[in-house]
C-alpha atoms as a PDB file:
ATOM      1  CA  MET A   1       5.349  39.789 -43.239  1.00  0.00           C
ATOM      2  CA  PRO A   2       5.995  36.112 -43.960  1.00  0.00           C
ATOM      3  CA  ASP A   3       9.520  34.817 -43.974  1.00  0.00           C
ATOM      4  CA  ILE A   4      10.545  34.411 -47.650  1.00  0.00           C
ATOM      5  CA  ASP A   5      13.356  32.205 -48.850  1.00  0.00           C
ATOM      6  CA  PRO A   6      16.320  34.500 -49.745  1.00  0.00           C
ATOM      7  CA  GLN A   7      16.729  32.897 -53.185  1.00  0.00           C
ATOM      8  CA  VAL A   8      13.092  33.529 -54.044  1.00  0.00           C
ATOM      9  CA  ARG A   9      13.337  37.097 -52.757  1.00  0.00           C
ATOM     10  CA  ASP A  10      16.456  37.793 -54.859  1.00  0.00           C
ATOM     11  CA  ARG A  11      14.910  36.223 -57.955  1.00  0.00           C
ATOM     12  CA  ASN A  12      11.746  38.284 -57.538  1.00  0.00           C
ATOM     13  CA  ALA A  13      13.790  41.439 -57.042  1.00  0.00           C
ATOM     14  CA  ASN A  14      15.302  40.954 -60.502  1.00  0.00           C
ATOM     15  CA  TYR A  15      11.911  41.308 -62.183  1.00  0.00           C
ATOM     16  CA  GLY A  16      11.553  44.924 -61.172  1.00  0.00           C
ATOM     17  CA  ALA A  17      13.449  47.779 -62.726  1.00  0.00           C
ATOM     18  CA  ALA A  18      16.663  48.715 -61.034  1.00  0.00           C
ATOM     19  CA  PRO A  19      16.582  51.960 -59.085  1.00  0.00           C
ATOM     20  CA  ALA A  20      17.770  55.034 -60.941  1.00  0.00           C
ATOM     21  CA  SER A  21      20.928  55.186 -58.850  1.00  0.00           C
ATOM     22  CA  ALA A  22      21.910  51.722 -60.112  1.00  0.00           C
ATOM     23  CA  GLN A  23      21.627  52.803 -63.744  1.00  0.00           C
ATOM     24  CA  PRO A  24      24.345  55.359 -64.415  1.00  0.00           C
ATOM     25  CA  GLU A  25      23.940  57.485 -67.488  1.00  0.00           C
ATOM     26  CA  VAL A  26      25.994  55.943 -70.257  1.00  0.00           C
ATOM     27  CA  ARG A  27      27.603  58.404 -72.618  1.00  0.00           C
ATOM     28  CA  PRO A  28      29.903  57.434 -75.446  1.00  0.00           C
ATOM     29  CA  GLU A  29      33.491  58.342 -74.743  1.00  0.00           C
ATOM     30  CA  ARG A  30      34.703  61.022 -77.102  1.00  0.00           C
ATOM     31  CA  GLY A  31      37.862  63.013 -77.057  1.00  0.00           C
ATOM     32  CA  ARG A  32      38.029  66.776 -77.026  1.00  0.00           C
ATOM     33  CA  SER A  33      37.184  66.852 -80.727  1.00  0.00           C
ATOM     34  CA  GLY A  34      33.725  65.357 -80.232  1.00  0.00           C
ATOM     35  CA  ARG A  35      31.149  65.216 -83.006  1.00  0.00           C
ATOM     36  CA  GLY A  36      32.759  67.858 -85.212  1.00  0.00           C
ATOM     37  CA  ALA A  37      35.776  65.696 -85.983  1.00  0.00           C
ATOM     38  CA  GLU A  38      33.560  62.750 -86.877  1.00  0.00           C
ATOM     39  CA  ILE A  39      31.614  64.890 -89.345  1.00  0.00           C
ATOM     40  CA  ALA A  40      34.847  66.268 -90.820  1.00  0.00           C
ATOM     41  CA  VAL A  41      36.251  62.769 -91.350  1.00  0.00           C
ATOM     42  CA  ARG A  42      33.054  61.644 -93.054  1.00  0.00           C
ATOM     43  CA  ALA A  43      33.130  64.714 -95.295  1.00  0.00           C
ATOM     44  CA  LEU A  44      36.731  63.959 -96.259  1.00  0.00           C
ATOM     45  CA  TRP A  45      35.866  60.364 -97.151  1.00  0.00           C
ATOM     46  CA  LEU A  46      32.898  61.563 -99.188  1.00  0.00           C
ATOM     47  CA  ALA A  47      35.067  64.074-101.066  1.00  0.00           C
ATOM     48  CA  LEU A  48      37.719  61.425-101.713  1.00  0.00           C
ATOM     49  CA  GLY A  49      35.132  58.981-103.037  1.00  0.00           C
ATOM     50  CA  PHE A  50      33.610  61.653-105.253  1.00  0.00           C
ATOM     51  CA  ALA A  51      37.026  62.615-106.660  1.00  0.00           C
ATOM     52  CA  LEU A  52      37.903  58.982-107.364  1.00  0.00           C
ATOM     53  CA  GLY A  53      34.549  58.426-109.038  1.00  0.00           C
ATOM     54  CA  VAL A  54      34.945  61.476-111.253  1.00  0.00           C
ATOM     55  CA  SER A  55      38.499  60.457-112.162  1.00  0.00           C
ATOM     56  CA  ALA A  56      37.415  56.931-113.036  1.00  0.00           C
ATOM     57  CA  GLY A  57      34.514  58.276-115.090  1.00  0.00           C
ATOM     58  CA  LEU A  58      36.760  60.630-117.031  1.00  0.00           C
ATOM     59  CA  LEU A  59      39.286  57.880-117.710  1.00  0.00           C
ATOM     60  CA  TRP A  60      36.532  55.566-118.909  1.00  0.00           C
ATOM     61  CA  ALA A  61      34.995  58.276-121.118  1.00  0.00           C
ATOM     62  CA  GLY A  62      38.409  59.065-122.590  1.00  0.00           C
ATOM     63  CA  SER A  63      39.057  55.433-123.424  1.00  0.00           C
ATOM     64  CA  VAL A  64      35.615  55.082-125.029  1.00  0.00           C
ATOM     65  CA  MET A  65      36.118  58.212-127.129  1.00  0.00           C
ATOM     66  CA  ALA A  66      39.571  57.024-128.187  1.00  0.00           C
ATOM     67  CA  GLY A  67      38.035  53.769-129.336  1.00  0.00           C
ATOM     68  CA  GLY A  68      39.877  51.673-126.766  1.00  0.00           C
END
């Protein structure tokens, strides 16, 4: 095997995929609550937005009916 310049060898090594051992599995850090808490928080925000929208709609309808 011919003697290859170390810089060229290192540069060429970067073109290949890293071995599986060099690519640890990346998982998002979550607490004990996990996905369930995220879904619950989104549901709460959705309910809050719906309630505010209904309230605003009723207030607007009341002002229109009162002629304001």
